Amino acid sequence: QVQLVESGGGLVQPGGSLTLSCAASGSIFGMGWFRQVPGKQRELVASIAESGTTLYVDFVKGRFTISRDNAKNTVYLQMKSLKRRDTAVYYCAGGKTVYLRDVDYWGQGTQVTVSS
């Protein structure tokens, strides 16, 4: 059973930047990030395959960058030009494909708050 441990969340002002990290206890083909706000469904933000191929949801394209270090089994999410509506709990995820239609492993979640 692979475990995912997240870090890097916090409070940031609108327009600011923040980088999230997620370390896995083993290798995973597809890794990515979801986010969730109270009362709404968890939604995919970005994902990356072991080859480096990436997928992004439209509302973060040009602002967020996902990357991974396969030697460390770690995935990162660099967030720039943050907006108040980016406020959410961000969850790291892993699965057998880059699409993450089915998630095999979840991180514990880390809070990102964008506020002045």
PDB file of N, CA and C in Angstrom:
ATOM      1  N   GLN A   1       0.850  -1.190   0.000  1.00  0.00           N
ATOM      2  CA  GLN A   1       0.000   0.000   0.000  1.00  0.00           C
ATOM      3  C   GLN A   1       0.885   1.238   0.000  1.00  0.00           C
ATOM      4  N   VAL A   2       0.726   2.066  -1.033  1.00  0.00           N
ATOM      5  CA  VAL A   2       1.499   3.291  -1.149  1.00  0.00           C
ATOM      6  C   VAL A   2       0.846   4.399  -0.331  1.00  0.00           C
ATOM      7  N   GLN A   3       1.660   5.156   0.391  1.00  0.00           N
ATOM      8  CA  GLN A   3       1.179   6.287   1.170  1.00  0.00           C
ATOM      9  C   GLN A   3       1.684   7.587   0.558  1.00  0.00           C
ATOM     10  N   LEU A   4       0.839   8.635   0.592  1.00  0.00           N
ATOM     11  CA  LEU A   4       1.182   9.941   0.058  1.00  0.00           C
ATOM     12  C   LEU A   4       1.156  10.963   1.186  1.00  0.00           C
ATOM     13  N   VAL A   5       2.220  11.748   1.305  1.00  0.00           N
ATOM     14  CA  VAL A   5       2.311  12.766   2.343  1.00  0.00           C
ATOM     15  C   VAL A   5       2.500  14.127   1.699  1.00  0.00           C
ATOM     16  N   GLU A   6       1.555  15.046   1.951  1.00  0.00           N
ATOM     17  CA  GLU A   6       1.566  16.364   1.344  1.00  0.00           C
ATOM     18  C   GLU A   6       2.157  17.420   2.269  1.00  0.00           C
ATOM     19  N   SER A   7       2.679  18.490   1.665  1.00  0.00           N
ATOM     20  CA  SER A   7       3.178  19.626   2.414  1.00  0.00           C
ATOM     21  C   SER A   7       3.166  20.862   1.524  1.00  0.00           C
ATOM     22  N   GLY A   8       3.262  22.042   2.137  1.00  0.00           N
ATOM     23  CA  GLY A   8       3.385  23.276   1.378  1.00  0.00           C
ATOM     24  C   GLY A   8       2.186  24.200   1.379  1.00  0.00           C
ATOM     25  N   GLY A   9       1.074  23.781   1.945  1.00  0.00           N
ATOM     26  CA  GLY A   9      -0.101  24.641   1.979  1.00  0.00           C
ATOM     27  C   GLY A   9       0.087  25.806   2.932  1.00  0.00           C
ATOM     28  N   GLY A  10      -0.823  26.787   2.841  1.00  0.00           N
ATOM     29  CA  GLY A  10      -0.743  27.935   3.718  1.00  0.00           C
ATOM     30  C   GLY A  10      -1.582  29.092   3.240  1.00  0.00           C
ATOM     31  N   LEU A  11      -1.343  30.265   3.828  1.00  0.00           N
ATOM     32  CA  LEU A  11      -2.061  31.498   3.497  1.00  0.00           C
ATOM     33  C   LEU A  11      -1.217  32.347   2.564  1.00  0.00           C
ATOM     34  N   VAL A  12      -1.827  32.835   1.495  1.00  0.00           N
ATOM     35  CA  VAL A  12      -1.129  33.674   0.528  1.00  0.00           C
ATOM     36  C   VAL A  12      -2.076  34.760   0.028  1.00  0.00           C
ATOM     37  N   GLN A  13      -1.542  35.939  -0.303  1.00  0.00           N
ATOM     38  CA  GLN A  13      -2.355  37.036  -0.817  1.00  0.00           C
ATOM     39  C   GLN A  13      -2.708  36.828  -2.280  1.00  0.00           C
ATOM     40  N   PRO A  14      -3.809  37.402  -2.748  1.00  0.00           N
ATOM     41  CA  PRO A  14      -4.154  37.309  -4.173  1.00  0.00           C
ATOM     42  C   PRO A  14      -2.988  37.775  -5.036  1.00  0.00           C
ATOM     43  N   GLY A  15      -2.694  37.027  -6.098  1.00  0.00           N
ATOM     44  CA  GLY A  15      -1.578  37.340  -6.974  1.00  0.00           C
ATOM     45  C   GLY A  15      -0.279  36.693  -6.550  1.00  0.00           C
ATOM     46  N   GLY A  16      -0.272  36.069  -5.393  1.00  0.00           N
ATOM     47  CA  GLY A  16       0.927  35.440  -4.872  1.00  0.00           C
ATOM     48  C   GLY A  16       1.161  34.046  -5.415  1.00  0.00           C
ATOM     49  N   SER A  17       2.202  33.397  -4.886  1.00  0.00           N
ATOM     50  CA  SER A  17       2.597  32.069  -5.347  1.00  0.00           C
ATOM     51  C   SER A  17       2.769  31.108  -4.183  1.00  0.00           C
ATOM     52  N   LEU A  18       2.628  29.832  -4.481  1.00  0.00           N
ATOM     53  CA  LEU A  18       2.778  28.782  -3.485  1.00  0.00           C
ATOM     54  C   LEU A  18       3.105  27.488  -4.218  1.00  0.00           C
ATOM     55  N   THR A  19       3.941  26.641  -3.622  1.00  0.00           N
ATOM     56  CA  THR A  19       4.277  25.351  -4.222  1.00  0.00           C
ATOM     57  C   THR A  19       3.954  24.222  -3.252  1.00  0.00           C
ATOM     58  N   LEU A  20       3.204  23.245  -3.722  1.00  0.00           N
ATOM     59  CA  LEU A  20       2.838  22.076  -2.942  1.00  0.00           C
ATOM     60  C   LEU A  20       3.729  20.895  -3.316  1.00  0.00           C
ATOM     61  N   SER A  21       4.006  20.033  -2.349  1.00  0.00           N
ATOM     62  CA  SER A  21       4.803  18.833  -2.581  1.00  0.00           C
ATOM     63  C   SER A  21       4.053  17.616  -2.069  1.00  0.00           C
ATOM     64  N   CYS A  22       4.279  16.478  -2.705  1.00  0.00           N
ATOM     65  CA  CYS A  22       3.654  15.228  -2.288  1.00  0.00           C
ATOM     66  C   CYS A  22       4.650  14.100  -2.478  1.00  0.00           C
ATOM     67  N   ALA A  23       5.065  13.489  -1.383  1.00  0.00           N
ATOM     68  CA  ALA A  23       6.033  12.399  -1.424  1.00  0.00           C
ATOM     69  C   ALA A  23       5.322  11.060  -1.260  1.00  0.00           C
ATOM     70  N   ALA A  24       5.566  10.144  -2.188  1.00  0.00           N
ATOM     71  CA  ALA A  24       4.973   8.813  -2.148  1.00  0.00           C
ATOM     72  C   ALA A  24       5.975   7.793  -1.617  1.00  0.00           C
ATOM     73  N   SER A  25       5.460   6.759  -0.979  1.00  0.00           N
ATOM     74  CA  SER A  25       6.320   5.719  -0.428  1.00  0.00           C
ATOM     75  C   SER A  25       6.746   4.692  -1.471  1.00  0.00           C
ATOM     76  N   GLY A  26       6.226   4.817  -2.697  1.00  0.00           N
ATOM     77  CA  GLY A  26       6.583   3.934  -3.789  1.00  0.00           C
ATOM     78  C   GLY A  26       6.294   4.602  -5.111  1.00  0.00           C
ATOM     79  N   SER A  27       6.675   3.971  -6.208  1.00  0.00           N
ATOM     80  CA  SER A  27       6.445   4.552  -7.528  1.00  0.00           C
ATOM     81  C   SER A  27       4.987   4.404  -7.954  1.00  0.00           C
ATOM     82  N   ILE A  28       4.479   5.420  -8.663  1.00  0.00           N
ATOM     83  CA  ILE A  28       3.102   5.441  -9.167  1.00  0.00           C
ATOM     84  C   ILE A  28       3.128   5.992 -10.585  1.00  0.00           C
ATOM     85  N   PHE A  29       2.427   5.342 -11.515  1.00  0.00           N
ATOM     86  CA  PHE A  29       2.447   5.777 -12.912  1.00  0.00           C
ATOM     87  C   PHE A  29       1.890   7.190 -13.086  1.00  0.00           C
ATOM     88  N   GLY A  30       0.662   7.397 -12.613  1.00  0.00           N
ATOM     89  CA  GLY A  30       0.012   8.682 -12.749  1.00  0.00           C
ATOM     90  C   GLY A  30      -0.137   9.364 -11.404  1.00  0.00           C
ATOM     91  N   MET A  31       0.277  10.614 -11.307  1.00  0.00           N
ATOM     92  CA  MET A  31       0.148  11.378 -10.079  1.00  0.00           C
ATOM     93  C   MET A  31      -0.475  12.730 -10.405  1.00  0.00           C
ATOM     94  N   GLY A  32      -1.223  13.275  -9.450  1.00  0.00           N
ATOM     95  CA  GLY A  32      -1.864  14.546  -9.719  1.00  0.00           C
ATOM     96  C   GLY A  32      -2.411  15.205  -8.482  1.00  0.00           C
ATOM     97  N   TRP A  33      -3.122  16.321  -8.716  1.00  0.00           N
ATOM     98  CA  TRP A  33      -3.693  17.115  -7.643  1.00  0.00           C
ATOM     99  C   TRP A  33      -5.168  17.397  -7.892  1.00  0.00           C
ATOM    100  N   PHE A  34      -5.974  17.199  -6.868  1.00  0.00           N
ATOM    101  CA  PHE A  34      -7.385  17.556  -6.862  1.00  0.00           C
ATOM    102  C   PHE A  34      -7.572  18.671  -5.838  1.00  0.00           C
ATOM    103  N   ARG A  35      -8.709  19.376  -5.910  1.00  0.00           N
ATOM    104  CA  ARG A  35      -9.031  20.338  -4.869  1.00  0.00           C
ATOM    105  C   ARG A  35     -10.523  20.283  -4.562  1.00  0.00           C
ATOM    106  N   GLN A  36     -10.871  20.686  -3.343  1.00  0.00           N
ATOM    107  CA  GLN A  36     -12.253  20.613  -2.889  1.00  0.00           C
ATOM    108  C   GLN A  36     -12.564  21.743  -1.927  1.00  0.00           C
ATOM    109  N   VAL A  37     -13.744  22.357  -2.109  1.00  0.00           N
ATOM    110  CA  VAL A  37     -14.239  23.381  -1.198  1.00  0.00           C
ATOM    111  C   VAL A  37     -15.496  22.838  -0.535  1.00  0.00           C
ATOM    112  N   PRO A  38     -15.866  23.347   0.652  1.00  0.00           N
ATOM    113  CA  PRO A  38     -17.048  22.845   1.345  1.00  0.00           C
ATOM    114  C   PRO A  38     -18.305  22.910   0.489  1.00  0.00           C
ATOM    115  N   GLY A  39     -19.059  21.809   0.466  1.00  0.00           N
ATOM    116  CA  GLY A  39     -20.306  21.760  -0.270  1.00  0.00           C
ATOM    117  C   GLY A  39     -20.184  21.441  -1.743  1.00  0.00           C
ATOM    118  N   LYS A  40     -18.957  21.259  -2.246  1.00  0.00           N
ATOM    119  CA  LYS A  40     -18.759  20.960  -3.659  1.00  0.00           C
ATOM    120  C   LYS A  40     -17.940  19.687  -3.849  1.00  0.00           C
ATOM    121  N   GLN A  41     -18.019  19.114  -5.046  1.00  0.00           N
ATOM    122  CA  GLN A  41     -17.297  17.893  -5.353  1.00  0.00           C
ATOM    123  C   GLN A  41     -15.808  18.156  -5.527  1.00  0.00           C
ATOM    124  N   ARG A  42     -15.017  17.144  -5.235  1.00  0.00           N
ATOM    125  CA  ARG A  42     -13.584  17.216  -5.454  1.00  0.00           C
ATOM    126  C   ARG A  42     -13.327  17.220  -6.966  1.00  0.00           C
ATOM    127  N   GLU A  43     -12.440  18.101  -7.441  1.00  0.00           N
ATOM    128  CA  GLU A  43     -12.184  18.219  -8.866  1.00  0.00           C
ATOM    129  C   GLU A  43     -10.694  18.136  -9.188  1.00  0.00           C
ATOM    130  N   LEU A  44     -10.388  17.527 -10.325  1.00  0.00           N
ATOM    131  CA  LEU A  44      -9.004  17.390 -10.767  1.00  0.00           C
ATOM    132  C   LEU A  44      -8.458  18.746 -11.199  1.00  0.00           C
ATOM    133  N   VAL A  45      -7.229  19.038 -10.810  1.00  0.00           N
ATOM    134  CA  VAL A  45      -6.558  20.278 -11.174  1.00  0.00           C
ATOM    135  C   VAL A  45      -5.489  20.021 -12.235  1.00  0.00           C
ATOM    136  N   ALA A  46      -4.629  19.041 -12.004  1.00  0.00           N
ATOM    137  CA  ALA A  46      -3.549  18.714 -12.930  1.00  0.00           C
ATOM    138  C   ALA A  46      -3.038  17.313 -12.645  1.00  0.00           C
ATOM    139  N   SER A  47      -2.444  16.672 -13.649  1.00  0.00           N
ATOM    140  CA  SER A  47      -1.873  15.350 -13.465  1.00  0.00           C
ATOM    141  C   SER A  47      -0.650  15.177 -14.351  1.00  0.00           C
ATOM    142  N   ILE A  48       0.162  14.179 -14.020  1.00  0.00           N
ATOM    143  CA  ILE A  48       1.396  13.941 -14.767  1.00  0.00           C
ATOM    144  C   ILE A  48       1.728  12.459 -14.760  1.00  0.00           C
ATOM    145  N   ALA A  49       2.140  11.935 -15.918  1.00  0.00           N
ATOM    146  CA  ALA A  49       2.539  10.539 -16.048  1.00  0.00           C
ATOM    147  C   ALA A  49       4.019  10.380 -15.712  1.00  0.00           C
ATOM    148  N   GLU A  50       4.457   9.145 -15.538  1.00  0.00           N
ATOM    149  CA  GLU A  50       5.855   8.920 -15.202  1.00  0.00           C
ATOM    150  C   GLU A  50       6.794   9.399 -16.303  1.00  0.00           C
ATOM    151  N   SER A  51       6.302   9.480 -17.539  1.00  0.00           N
ATOM    152  CA  SER A  51       7.093   9.962 -18.659  1.00  0.00           C
ATOM    153  C   SER A  51       7.242  11.478 -18.670  1.00  0.00           C
ATOM    154  N   GLY A  52       6.404  12.179 -17.898  1.00  0.00           N
ATOM    155  CA  GLY A  52       6.421  13.626 -17.873  1.00  0.00           C
ATOM    156  C   GLY A  52       5.268  14.276 -18.614  1.00  0.00           C
ATOM    157  N   THR A  53       4.443  13.503 -19.303  1.00  0.00           N
ATOM    158  CA  THR A  53       3.266  14.032 -19.986  1.00  0.00           C
ATOM    159  C   THR A  53       2.305  14.628 -18.961  1.00  0.00           C
ATOM    160  N   THR A  54       1.786  15.830 -19.238  1.00  0.00           N
ATOM    161  CA  THR A  54       0.937  16.534 -18.277  1.00  0.00           C
ATOM    162  C   THR A  54      -0.451  16.832 -18.818  1.00  0.00           C
ATOM    163  N   LEU A  55      -1.410  16.979 -17.889  1.00  0.00           N
ATOM    164  CA  LEU A  55      -2.771  17.382 -18.197  1.00  0.00           C
ATOM    165  C   LEU A  55      -3.166  18.468 -17.208  1.00  0.00           C
ATOM    166  N   TYR A  56      -3.888  19.508 -17.693  1.00  0.00           N
ATOM    167  CA  TYR A  56      -4.345  20.595 -16.843  1.00  0.00           C
ATOM    168  C   TYR A  56      -5.806  20.897 -17.113  1.00  0.00           C
ATOM    169  N   VAL A  57      -6.536  21.239 -16.070  1.00  0.00           N
ATOM    170  CA  VAL A  57      -7.896  21.717 -16.251  1.00  0.00           C
ATOM    171  C   VAL A  57      -7.788  23.159 -16.740  1.00  0.00           C
ATOM    172  N   ASP A  58      -8.763  23.614 -17.532  1.00  0.00           N
ATOM    173  CA  ASP A  58      -8.685  24.926 -18.169  1.00  0.00           C
ATOM    174  C   ASP A  58      -8.501  26.091 -17.205  1.00  0.00           C
ATOM    175  N   PHE A  59      -9.133  26.050 -16.046  1.00  0.00           N
ATOM    176  CA  PHE A  59      -9.086  27.210 -15.165  1.00  0.00           C
ATOM    177  C   PHE A  59      -7.749  27.420 -14.455  1.00  0.00           C
ATOM    178  N   VAL A  60      -6.770  26.520 -14.648  1.00  0.00           N
ATOM    179  CA  VAL A  60      -5.445  26.731 -14.064  1.00  0.00           C
ATOM    180  C   VAL A  60      -4.343  26.806 -15.114  1.00  0.00           C
ATOM    181  N   LYS A  61      -4.662  26.572 -16.372  1.00  0.00           N
ATOM    182  CA  LYS A  61      -3.655  26.616 -17.438  1.00  0.00           C
ATOM    183  C   LYS A  61      -3.005  27.995 -17.501  1.00  0.00           C
ATOM    184  N   GLY A  62      -1.677  28.006 -17.575  1.00  0.00           N
ATOM    185  CA  GLY A  62      -0.940  29.254 -17.630  1.00  0.00           C
ATOM    186  C   GLY A  62      -0.574  29.802 -16.275  1.00  0.00           C
ATOM    187  N   ARG A  63      -1.164  29.257 -15.210  1.00  0.00           N
ATOM    188  CA  ARG A  63      -0.880  29.723 -13.850  1.00  0.00           C
ATOM    189  C   ARG A  63      -0.216  28.644 -12.996  1.00  0.00           C
ATOM    190  N   PHE A  64      -0.631  27.390 -13.173  1.00  0.00           N
ATOM    191  CA  PHE A  64      -0.097  26.283 -12.377  1.00  0.00           C
ATOM    192  C   PHE A  64       0.816  25.403 -13.226  1.00  0.00           C
ATOM    193  N   THR A  65       1.840  24.835 -12.608  1.00  0.00           N
ATOM    194  CA  THR A  65       2.742  23.914 -13.278  1.00  0.00           C
ATOM    195  C   THR A  65       2.936  22.674 -12.422  1.00  0.00           C
ATOM    196  N   ILE A  66       2.672  21.501 -13.001  1.00  0.00           N
ATOM    197  CA  ILE A  66       2.885  20.249 -12.288  1.00  0.00           C
ATOM    198  C   ILE A  66       4.191  19.618 -12.774  1.00  0.00           C
ATOM    199  N   SER A  67       4.930  19.007 -11.863  1.00  0.00           N
ATOM    200  CA  SER A  67       6.182  18.347 -12.203  1.00  0.00           C
ATOM    201  C   SER A  67       6.394  17.179 -11.253  1.00  0.00           C
ATOM    202  N   ARG A  68       7.353  16.308 -11.573  1.00  0.00           N
ATOM    203  CA  ARG A  68       7.637  15.180 -10.685  1.00  0.00           C
ATOM    204  C   ARG A  68       9.103  14.808 -10.739  1.00  0.00           C
ATOM    205  N   ASP A  69       9.568  14.220  -9.661  1.00  0.00           N
ATOM    206  CA  ASP A  69      10.921  13.716  -9.541  1.00  0.00           C
ATOM    207  C   ASP A  69      10.775  12.221  -9.285  1.00  0.00           C
ATOM    208  N   ASN A  70      10.958  11.411 -10.315  1.00  0.00           N
ATOM    209  CA  ASN A  70      10.737   9.973 -10.194  1.00  0.00           C
ATOM    210  C   ASN A  70      11.725   9.299  -9.239  1.00  0.00           C
ATOM    211  N   ALA A  71      12.928   9.829  -9.122  1.00  0.00           N
ATOM    212  CA  ALA A  71      13.914   9.263  -8.214  1.00  0.00           C
ATOM    213  C   ALA A  71      13.473   9.402  -6.764  1.00  0.00           C
ATOM    214  N   LYS A  72      12.678  10.454  -6.474  1.00  0.00           N
ATOM    215  CA  LYS A  72      12.189  10.706  -5.124  1.00  0.00           C
ATOM    216  C   LYS A  72      10.723  10.326  -4.950  1.00  0.00           C
ATOM    217  N   ASN A  73      10.082   9.828  -6.017  1.00  0.00           N
ATOM    218  CA  ASN A  73       8.653   9.494  -5.988  1.00  0.00           C
ATOM    219  C   ASN A  73       7.833  10.682  -5.482  1.00  0.00           C
ATOM    220  N   THR A  74       8.184  11.869  -5.948  1.00  0.00           N
ATOM    221  CA  THR A  74       7.563  13.097  -5.470  1.00  0.00           C
ATOM    222  C   THR A  74       6.961  13.907  -6.617  1.00  0.00           C
ATOM    223  N   VAL A  75       5.769  14.456  -6.385  1.00  0.00           N
ATOM    224  CA  VAL A  75       5.104  15.313  -7.359  1.00  0.00           C
ATOM    225  C   VAL A  75       4.930  16.700  -6.745  1.00  0.00           C
ATOM    226  N   TYR A  76       5.023  17.742  -7.583  1.00  0.00           N
ATOM    227  CA  TYR A  76       4.929  19.120  -7.134  1.00  0.00           C
ATOM    228  C   TYR A  76       3.844  19.864  -7.906  1.00  0.00           C
ATOM    229  N   LEU A  77       3.290  20.889  -7.288  1.00  0.00           N
ATOM    230  CA  LEU A  77       2.354  21.777  -7.968  1.00  0.00           C
ATOM    231  C   LEU A  77       2.770  23.205  -7.661  1.00  0.00           C
ATOM    232  N   GLN A  78       3.318  23.892  -8.667  1.00  0.00           N
ATOM    233  CA  GLN A  78       3.712  25.281  -8.527  1.00  0.00           C
ATOM    234  C   GLN A  78       2.531  26.149  -8.942  1.00  0.00           C
ATOM    235  N   MET A  79       2.037  26.977  -8.025  1.00  0.00           N
ATOM    236  CA  MET A  79       0.874  27.808  -8.269  1.00  0.00           C
ATOM    237  C   MET A  79       1.288  29.275  -8.259  1.00  0.00           C
ATOM    238  N   LYS A  80       0.958  29.989  -9.328  1.00  0.00           N
ATOM    239  CA  LYS A  80       1.255  31.412  -9.448  1.00  0.00           C
ATOM    240  C   LYS A  80      -0.015  32.186  -9.767  1.00  0.00           C
ATOM    241  N   SER A  81       0.043  33.505  -9.588  1.00  0.00           N
ATOM    242  CA  SER A  81      -1.108  34.380  -9.842  1.00  0.00           C
ATOM    243  C   SER A  81      -2.362  33.833  -9.171  1.00  0.00           C
ATOM    244  N   LEU A  82      -2.236  33.475  -7.919  1.00  0.00           N
ATOM    245  CA  LEU A  82      -3.344  32.854  -7.184  1.00  0.00           C
ATOM    246  C   LEU A  82      -4.518  33.811  -7.019  1.00  0.00           C
ATOM    247  N   LYS A  83      -5.712  33.245  -7.104  1.00  0.00           N
ATOM    248  CA  LYS A  83      -6.964  33.983  -6.985  1.00  0.00           C
ATOM    249  C   LYS A  83      -7.740  33.483  -5.775  1.00  0.00           C
ATOM    250  N   ARG A  84      -8.657  34.306  -5.272  1.00  0.00           N
ATOM    251  CA  ARG A  84      -9.450  33.908  -4.106  1.00  0.00           C
ATOM    252  C   ARG A  84     -10.203  32.608  -4.361  1.00  0.00           C
ATOM    253  N   ARG A  85     -10.664  32.386  -5.578  1.00  0.00           N
ATOM    254  CA  ARG A  85     -11.403  31.171  -5.888  1.00  0.00           C
ATOM    255  C   ARG A  85     -10.528  29.925  -5.956  1.00  0.00           C
ATOM    256  N   ASP A  86      -9.203  30.084  -5.829  1.00  0.00           N
ATOM    257  CA  ASP A  86      -8.308  28.936  -5.735  1.00  0.00           C
ATOM    258  C   ASP A  86      -8.282  28.375  -4.318  1.00  0.00           C
ATOM    259  N   THR A  87      -8.871  29.086  -3.372  1.00  0.00           N
ATOM    260  CA  THR A  87      -8.918  28.625  -1.985  1.00  0.00           C
ATOM    261  C   THR A  87      -9.639  27.285  -1.904  1.00  0.00           C
ATOM    262  N   ALA A  88      -8.975  26.290  -1.317  1.00  0.00           N
ATOM    263  CA  ALA A  88      -9.535  24.943  -1.228  1.00  0.00           C
ATOM    264  C   ALA A  88      -8.576  24.050  -0.455  1.00  0.00           C
ATOM    265  N   VAL A  89      -9.035  22.843  -0.164  1.00  0.00           N
ATOM    266  CA  VAL A  89      -8.141  21.810   0.337  1.00  0.00           C
ATOM    267  C   VAL A  89      -7.618  21.074  -0.891  1.00  0.00           C
ATOM    268  N   TYR A  90      -6.317  20.981  -1.021  1.00  0.00           N
ATOM    269  CA  TYR A  90      -5.694  20.326  -2.161  1.00  0.00           C
ATOM    270  C   TYR A  90      -5.238  18.927  -1.770  1.00  0.00           C
ATOM    271  N   TYR A  91      -5.611  17.940  -2.592  1.00  0.00           N
ATOM    272  CA  TYR A  91      -5.294  16.542  -2.328  1.00  0.00           C
ATOM    273  C   TYR A  91      -4.392  15.964  -3.409  1.00  0.00           C
ATOM    274  N   CYS A  92      -3.319  15.328  -3.003  1.00  0.00           N
ATOM    275  CA  CYS A  92      -2.461  14.591  -3.912  1.00  0.00           C
ATOM    276  C   CYS A  92      -3.116  13.248  -4.212  1.00  0.00           C
ATOM    277  N   ALA A  93      -2.944  12.745  -5.431  1.00  0.00           N
ATOM    278  CA  ALA A  93      -3.560  11.486  -5.820  1.00  0.00           C
ATOM    279  C   ALA A  93      -2.657  10.674  -6.738  1.00  0.00           C
ATOM    280  N   GLY A  94      -2.845   9.358  -6.731  1.00  0.00           N
ATOM    281  CA  GLY A  94      -2.080   8.478  -7.605  1.00  0.00           C
ATOM    282  C   GLY A  94      -2.951   7.378  -8.172  1.00  0.00           C
ATOM    283  N   GLY A  95      -2.669   6.970  -9.418  1.00  0.00           N
ATOM    284  CA  GLY A  95      -3.439   5.928 -10.069  1.00  0.00           C
ATOM    285  C   GLY A  95      -2.682   5.282 -11.210  1.00  0.00           C
ATOM    286  N   LYS A  96      -3.349   4.370 -11.899  1.00  0.00           N
ATOM    287  CA  LYS A  96      -2.709   3.593 -12.954  1.00  0.00           C
ATOM    288  C   LYS A  96      -2.593   4.318 -14.287  1.00  0.00           C
ATOM    289  N   THR A  97      -3.317   5.415 -14.461  1.00  0.00           N
ATOM    290  CA  THR A  97      -3.238   6.200 -15.691  1.00  0.00           C
ATOM    291  C   THR A  97      -3.055   7.671 -15.364  1.00  0.00           C
ATOM    292  N   VAL A  98      -2.692   8.467 -16.364  1.00  0.00           N
ATOM    293  CA  VAL A  98      -2.511   9.895 -16.161  1.00  0.00           C
ATOM    294  C   VAL A  98      -3.852  10.605 -16.018  1.00  0.00           C
ATOM    295  N   TYR A  99      -4.940   9.979 -16.455  1.00  0.00           N
ATOM    296  CA  TYR A  99      -6.257  10.617 -16.411  1.00  0.00           C
ATOM    297  C   TYR A  99      -6.868  10.625 -15.012  1.00  0.00           C
ATOM    298  N   LEU A 100      -6.446   9.711 -14.155  1.00  0.00           N
ATOM    299  CA  LEU A 100      -6.920   9.601 -12.772  1.00  0.00           C
ATOM    300  C   LEU A 100      -8.442   9.536 -12.671  1.00  0.00           C
ATOM    301  N   ARG A 101      -9.056   8.796 -13.586  1.00  0.00           N
ATOM    302  CA  ARG A 101     -10.504   8.548 -13.500  1.00  0.00           C
ATOM    303  C   ARG A 101     -10.782   7.682 -12.282  1.00  0.00           C
ATOM    304  N   ASP A 102      -9.829   6.808 -11.964  1.00  0.00           N
ATOM    305  CA  ASP A 102      -9.880   5.981 -10.765  1.00  0.00           C
ATOM    306  C   ASP A 102      -8.620   6.265  -9.965  1.00  0.00           C
ATOM    307  N   VAL A 103      -8.797   6.663  -8.719  1.00  0.00           N
ATOM    308  CA  VAL A 103      -7.672   6.986  -7.853  1.00  0.00           C
ATOM    309  C   VAL A 103      -7.416   5.840  -6.887  1.00  0.00           C
ATOM    310  N   ASP A 104      -6.180   5.367  -6.861  1.00  0.00           N
ATOM    311  CA  ASP A 104      -5.809   4.267  -5.973  1.00  0.00           C
ATOM    312  C   ASP A 104      -5.299   4.760  -4.623  1.00  0.00           C
ATOM    313  N   TYR A 105      -4.678   5.941  -4.616  1.00  0.00           N
ATOM    314  CA  TYR A 105      -4.077   6.475  -3.401  1.00  0.00           C
ATOM    315  C   TYR A 105      -4.389   7.960  -3.256  1.00  0.00           C
ATOM    316  N   TRP A 106      -4.698   8.384  -2.026  1.00  0.00           N
ATOM    317  CA  TRP A 106      -4.979   9.786  -1.715  1.00  0.00           C
ATOM    318  C   TRP A 106      -4.047  10.306  -0.630  1.00  0.00           C
ATOM    319  N   GLY A 107      -3.637  11.559  -0.756  1.00  0.00           N
ATOM    320  CA  GLY A 107      -2.895  12.224   0.292  1.00  0.00           C
ATOM    321  C   GLY A 107      -3.875  12.715   1.344  1.00  0.00           C
ATOM    322  N   GLN A 108      -3.358  13.264   2.440  1.00  0.00           N
ATOM    323  CA  GLN A 108      -4.208  13.690   3.556  1.00  0.00           C
ATOM    324  C   GLN A 108      -4.891  15.032   3.337  1.00  0.00           C
ATOM    325  N   GLY A 109      -4.444  15.781   2.341  1.00  0.00           N
ATOM    326  CA  GLY A 109      -5.005  17.089   2.061  1.00  0.00           C
ATOM    327  C   GLY A 109      -4.223  18.195   2.738  1.00  0.00           C
ATOM    328  N   THR A 110      -4.084  19.332   2.054  1.00  0.00           N
ATOM    329  CA  THR A 110      -3.421  20.494   2.624  1.00  0.00           C
ATOM    330  C   THR A 110      -4.209  21.744   2.241  1.00  0.00           C
ATOM    331  N   GLN A 111      -4.443  22.629   3.210  1.00  0.00           N
ATOM    332  CA  GLN A 111      -5.266  23.816   2.995  1.00  0.00           C
ATOM    333  C   GLN A 111      -4.482  24.920   2.302  1.00  0.00           C
ATOM    334  N   VAL A 112      -5.064  25.473   1.245  1.00  0.00           N
ATOM    335  CA  VAL A 112      -4.524  26.650   0.563  1.00  0.00           C
ATOM    336  C   VAL A 112      -5.571  27.748   0.683  1.00  0.00           C
ATOM    337  N   THR A 113      -5.207  28.859   1.303  1.00  0.00           N
ATOM    338  CA  THR A 113      -6.126  29.981   1.474  1.00  0.00           C
ATOM    339  C   THR A 113      -5.549  31.215   0.805  1.00  0.00           C
ATOM    340  N   VAL A 114      -6.302  31.785  -0.127  1.00  0.00           N
ATOM    341  CA  VAL A 114      -5.892  32.995  -0.844  1.00  0.00           C
ATOM    342  C   VAL A 114      -6.772  34.132  -0.344  1.00  0.00           C
ATOM    343  N   SER A 115      -6.182  35.053   0.397  1.00  0.00           N
ATOM    344  CA  SER A 115      -6.948  36.135   1.011  1.00  0.00           C
ATOM    345  C   SER A 115      -6.049  37.309   1.345  1.00  0.00           C
ATOM    346  N   SER A 116      -6.623  38.517   1.302  1.00  0.00           N
ATOM    347  CA  SER A 116      -5.915  39.724   1.696  1.00  0.00           C
ATOM    348  C   SER A 116      -6.190  40.069   3.146  1.00  0.00           C
TER     349      SER A 116
END
